[in-house]
Amino acid sequence: MLRTITVGSCVSVQGTFEMQHDDGRVSVRVDGRLFVGRPVTRKAD
């Protein structure tokens, strides 16, 4: 499943979901690299 996270103040990364951390952060994998950040919330309709 693809997930989008923010890393830092303005960098977004989209990759394959790896794991959910206890503090609310999410890990995603892109081309063999693992990124950790806050998940992007969906906009309400």
PDB file of N, CA and C in Angstrom:
ATOM      1  N   MET A   1       0.846  -1.163   0.000  1.00  0.00           N
ATOM      2  CA  MET A   1       0.000   0.000   0.000  1.00  0.00           C
ATOM      3  C   MET A   1       0.899   1.236   0.000  1.00  0.00           C
ATOM      4  N   LEU A   2       0.602   2.185  -0.850  1.00  0.00           N
ATOM      5  CA  LEU A   2       1.354   3.434  -0.897  1.00  0.00           C
ATOM      6  C   LEU A   2       0.879   4.373   0.204  1.00  0.00           C
ATOM      7  N   ARG A   3       1.830   5.041   0.835  1.00  0.00           N
ATOM      8  CA  ARG A   3       1.522   6.049   1.842  1.00  0.00           C
ATOM      9  C   ARG A   3       2.373   7.274   1.575  1.00  0.00           C
ATOM     10  N   THR A   4       1.867   8.437   1.944  1.00  0.00           N
ATOM     11  CA  THR A   4       2.602   9.688   1.813  1.00  0.00           C
ATOM     12  C   THR A   4       2.896  10.214   3.206  1.00  0.00           C
ATOM     13  N   ILE A   5       4.157  10.631   3.412  1.00  0.00           N
ATOM     14  CA  ILE A   5       4.562  11.181   4.705  1.00  0.00           C
ATOM     15  C   ILE A   5       5.268  12.509   4.472  1.00  0.00           C
ATOM     16  N   THR A   6       5.332  13.317   5.514  1.00  0.00           N
ATOM     17  CA  THR A   6       6.133  14.539   5.459  1.00  0.00           C
ATOM     18  C   THR A   6       7.391  14.316   6.282  1.00  0.00           C
ATOM     19  N   VAL A   7       8.505  14.719   5.704  1.00  0.00           N
ATOM     20  CA  VAL A   7       9.804  14.615   6.362  1.00  0.00           C
ATOM     21  C   VAL A   7      10.327  16.040   6.473  1.00  0.00           C
ATOM     22  N   GLY A   8      10.451  16.539   7.669  1.00  0.00           N
ATOM     23  CA  GLY A   8      10.831  17.934   7.844  1.00  0.00           C
ATOM     24  C   GLY A   8       9.620  18.829   7.679  1.00  0.00           C
ATOM     25  N   SER A   9       9.854  20.073   7.317  1.00  0.00           N
ATOM     26  CA  SER A   9       8.753  21.032   7.249  1.00  0.00           C
ATOM     27  C   SER A   9       8.045  21.070   5.906  1.00  0.00           C
ATOM     28  N   CYS A  10       8.728  20.697   4.811  1.00  0.00           N
ATOM     29  CA  CYS A  10       8.071  20.843   3.515  1.00  0.00           C
ATOM     30  C   CYS A  10       8.439  19.762   2.505  1.00  0.00           C
ATOM     31  N   VAL A  11       9.037  18.675   2.931  1.00  0.00           N
ATOM     32  CA  VAL A  11       9.407  17.588   2.022  1.00  0.00           C
ATOM     33  C   VAL A  11       8.441  16.430   2.218  1.00  0.00           C
ATOM     34  N   SER A  12       7.821  15.981   1.125  1.00  0.00           N
ATOM     35  CA  SER A  12       6.918  14.834   1.160  1.00  0.00           C
ATOM     36  C   SER A  12       7.554  13.662   0.439  1.00  0.00           C
ATOM     37  N   VAL A  13       7.291  12.450   0.958  1.00  0.00           N
ATOM     38  CA  VAL A  13       7.803  11.222   0.367  1.00  0.00           C
ATOM     39  C   VAL A  13       6.640  10.263   0.231  1.00  0.00           C
ATOM     40  N   GLN A  14       6.534   9.604  -0.923  1.00  0.00           N
ATOM     41  CA  GLN A  14       5.493   8.603  -1.135  1.00  0.00           C
ATOM     42  C   GLN A  14       6.168   7.281  -1.423  1.00  0.00           C
ATOM     43  N   GLY A  15       5.797   6.249  -0.668  1.00  0.00           N
ATOM     44  CA  GLY A  15       6.415   4.949  -0.855  1.00  0.00           C
ATOM     45  C   GLY A  15       5.561   3.841  -0.278  1.00  0.00           C
ATOM     46  N   THR A  16       6.121   2.651  -0.259  1.00  0.00           N
ATOM     47  CA  THR A  16       5.424   1.471   0.230  1.00  0.00           C
ATOM     48  C   THR A  16       5.441   1.463   1.754  1.00  0.00           C
ATOM     49  N   PHE A  17       4.270   1.289   2.344  1.00  0.00           N
ATOM     50  CA  PHE A  17       4.132   1.279   3.799  1.00  0.00           C
ATOM     51  C   PHE A  17       4.965   0.157   4.402  1.00  0.00           C
ATOM     52  N   GLU A  18       5.733   0.466   5.451  1.00  0.00           N
ATOM     53  CA  GLU A  18       6.543  -0.527   6.163  1.00  0.00           C
ATOM     54  C   GLU A  18       5.985  -0.790   7.561  1.00  0.00           C
ATOM     55  N   MET A  19       5.853   0.278   8.366  1.00  0.00           N
ATOM     56  CA  MET A  19       5.344   0.085   9.722  1.00  0.00           C
ATOM     57  C   MET A  19       4.849   1.384  10.341  1.00  0.00           C
ATOM     58  N   GLN A  20       3.987   1.236  11.343  1.00  0.00           N
ATOM     59  CA  GLN A  20       3.460   2.360  12.132  1.00  0.00           C
ATOM     60  C   GLN A  20       4.197   2.360  13.464  1.00  0.00           C
ATOM     61  N   HIS A  21       4.753   3.490  13.866  1.00  0.00           N
ATOM     62  CA  HIS A  21       5.484   3.597  15.127  1.00  0.00           C
ATOM     63  C   HIS A  21       4.533   4.009  16.249  1.00  0.00           C
ATOM     64  N   ASP A  22       4.927   3.734  17.495  1.00  0.00           N
ATOM     65  CA  ASP A  22       4.090   4.053  18.659  1.00  0.00           C
ATOM     66  C   ASP A  22       3.811   5.542  18.807  1.00  0.00           C
ATOM     67  N   ASP A  23       4.732   6.387  18.316  1.00  0.00           N
ATOM     68  CA  ASP A  23       4.565   7.837  18.459  1.00  0.00           C
ATOM     69  C   ASP A  23       3.770   8.468  17.316  1.00  0.00           C
ATOM     70  N   GLY A  24       3.210   7.652  16.421  1.00  0.00           N
ATOM     71  CA  GLY A  24       2.377   8.159  15.333  1.00  0.00           C
ATOM     72  C   GLY A  24       3.093   8.310  14.008  1.00  0.00           C
ATOM     73  N   ARG A  25       4.421   8.172  13.994  1.00  0.00           N
ATOM     74  CA  ARG A  25       5.157   8.269  12.744  1.00  0.00           C
ATOM     75  C   ARG A  25       4.980   6.992  11.930  1.00  0.00           C
ATOM     76  N   VAL A  26       5.267   7.089  10.633  1.00  0.00           N
ATOM     77  CA  VAL A  26       5.117   5.972   9.701  1.00  0.00           C
ATOM     78  C   VAL A  26       6.425   5.802   8.935  1.00  0.00           C
ATOM     79  N   SER A  27       6.786   4.549   8.655  1.00  0.00           N
ATOM     80  CA  SER A  27       7.951   4.248   7.829  1.00  0.00           C
ATOM     81  C   SER A  27       7.481   3.814   6.447  1.00  0.00           C
ATOM     82  N   VAL A  28       8.122   4.362   5.405  1.00  0.00           N
ATOM     83  CA  VAL A  28       7.844   3.951   4.026  1.00  0.00           C
ATOM     84  C   VAL A  28       9.166   3.628   3.338  1.00  0.00           C
ATOM     85  N   ARG A  29       9.124   2.709   2.373  1.00  0.00           N
ATOM     86  CA  ARG A  29      10.321   2.305   1.642  1.00  0.00           C
ATOM     87  C   ARG A  29      10.224   2.792   0.198  1.00  0.00           C
ATOM     88  N   VAL A  30      11.317   3.436  -0.275  1.00  0.00           N
ATOM     89  CA  VAL A  30      11.413   3.934  -1.643  1.00  0.00           C
ATOM     90  C   VAL A  30      12.762   3.503  -2.199  1.00  0.00           C
ATOM     91  N   ASP A  31      12.757   2.681  -3.238  1.00  0.00           N
ATOM     92  CA  ASP A  31      13.996   2.230  -3.889  1.00  0.00           C
ATOM     93  C   ASP A  31      15.033   1.711  -2.892  1.00  0.00           C
ATOM     94  N   GLY A  32      14.599   0.925  -1.928  1.00  0.00           N
ATOM     95  CA  GLY A  32      15.516   0.333  -0.973  1.00  0.00           C
ATOM     96  C   GLY A  32      15.868   1.211   0.208  1.00  0.00           C
ATOM     97  N   ARG A  33      15.426   2.464   0.205  1.00  0.00           N
ATOM     98  CA  ARG A  33      15.701   3.381   1.326  1.00  0.00           C
ATOM     99  C   ARG A  33      14.466   3.493   2.204  1.00  0.00           C
ATOM    100  N   LEU A  34      14.675   3.601   3.504  1.00  0.00           N
ATOM    101  CA  LEU A  34      13.588   3.705   4.462  1.00  0.00           C
ATOM    102  C   LEU A  34      13.484   5.142   4.961  1.00  0.00           C
ATOM    103  N   PHE A  35      12.286   5.712   4.886  1.00  0.00           N
ATOM    104  CA  PHE A  35      12.030   7.074   5.349  1.00  0.00           C
ATOM    105  C   PHE A  35      11.012   7.018   6.484  1.00  0.00           C
ATOM    106  N   VAL A  36      11.183   7.870   7.477  1.00  0.00           N
ATOM    107  CA  VAL A  36      10.272   7.938   8.625  1.00  0.00           C
ATOM    108  C   VAL A  36       9.770   9.364   8.746  1.00  0.00           C
ATOM    109  N   GLY A  37       8.453   9.512   8.900  1.00  0.00           N
ATOM    110  CA  GLY A  37       7.879  10.844   9.042  1.00  0.00           C
ATOM    111  C   GLY A  37       6.433  10.779   9.473  1.00  0.00           C
ATOM    112  N   ARG A  38       5.797  11.927   9.481  1.00  0.00           N
ATOM    113  CA  ARG A  38       4.387  12.024   9.872  1.00  0.00           C
ATOM    114  C   ARG A  38       3.490  11.750   8.671  1.00  0.00           C
ATOM    115  N   PRO A  39       2.443  10.951   8.846  1.00  0.00           N
ATOM    116  CA  PRO A  39       1.550  10.677   7.724  1.00  0.00           C
ATOM    117  C   PRO A  39       0.779  11.923   7.300  1.00  0.00           C
ATOM    118  N   VAL A  40       0.552  12.048   5.996  1.00  0.00           N
ATOM    119  CA  VAL A  40      -0.256  13.141   5.459  1.00  0.00           C
ATOM    120  C   VAL A  40      -1.709  12.767   5.659  1.00  0.00           C
ATOM    121  N   THR A  41      -2.474  13.687   6.264  1.00  0.00           N
ATOM    122  CA  THR A  41      -3.893  13.415   6.516  1.00  0.00           C
ATOM    123  C   THR A  41      -4.711  13.726   5.276  1.00  0.00           C
ATOM    124  N   ARG A  42      -5.760  12.985   5.105  1.00  0.00           N
ATOM    125  CA  ARG A  42      -6.645  13.205   3.962  1.00  0.00           C
ATOM    126  C   ARG A  42      -7.522  14.409   4.211  1.00  0.00           C
ATOM    127  N   LYS A  43      -7.797  15.143   3.153  1.00  0.00           N
ATOM    128  CA  LYS A  43      -8.675  16.307   3.252  1.00  0.00           C
ATOM    129  C   LYS A  43     -10.111  15.830   3.340  1.00  0.00           C
ATOM    130  N   ALA A  44     -10.885  16.404   4.241  1.00  0.00           N
ATOM    131  CA  ALA A  44     -12.290  16.042   4.383  1.00  0.00           C
ATOM    132  C   ALA A  44     -13.083  16.572   3.196  1.00  0.00           C
ATOM    133  N   ASP A  45     -14.062  15.789   2.759  1.00  0.00           N
ATOM    134  CA  ASP A  45     -14.916  16.206   1.629  1.00  0.00           C
ATOM    135  C   ASP A  45     -15.974  17.172   2.061  1.00  0.00           C
TER     136      ASP A  45
END
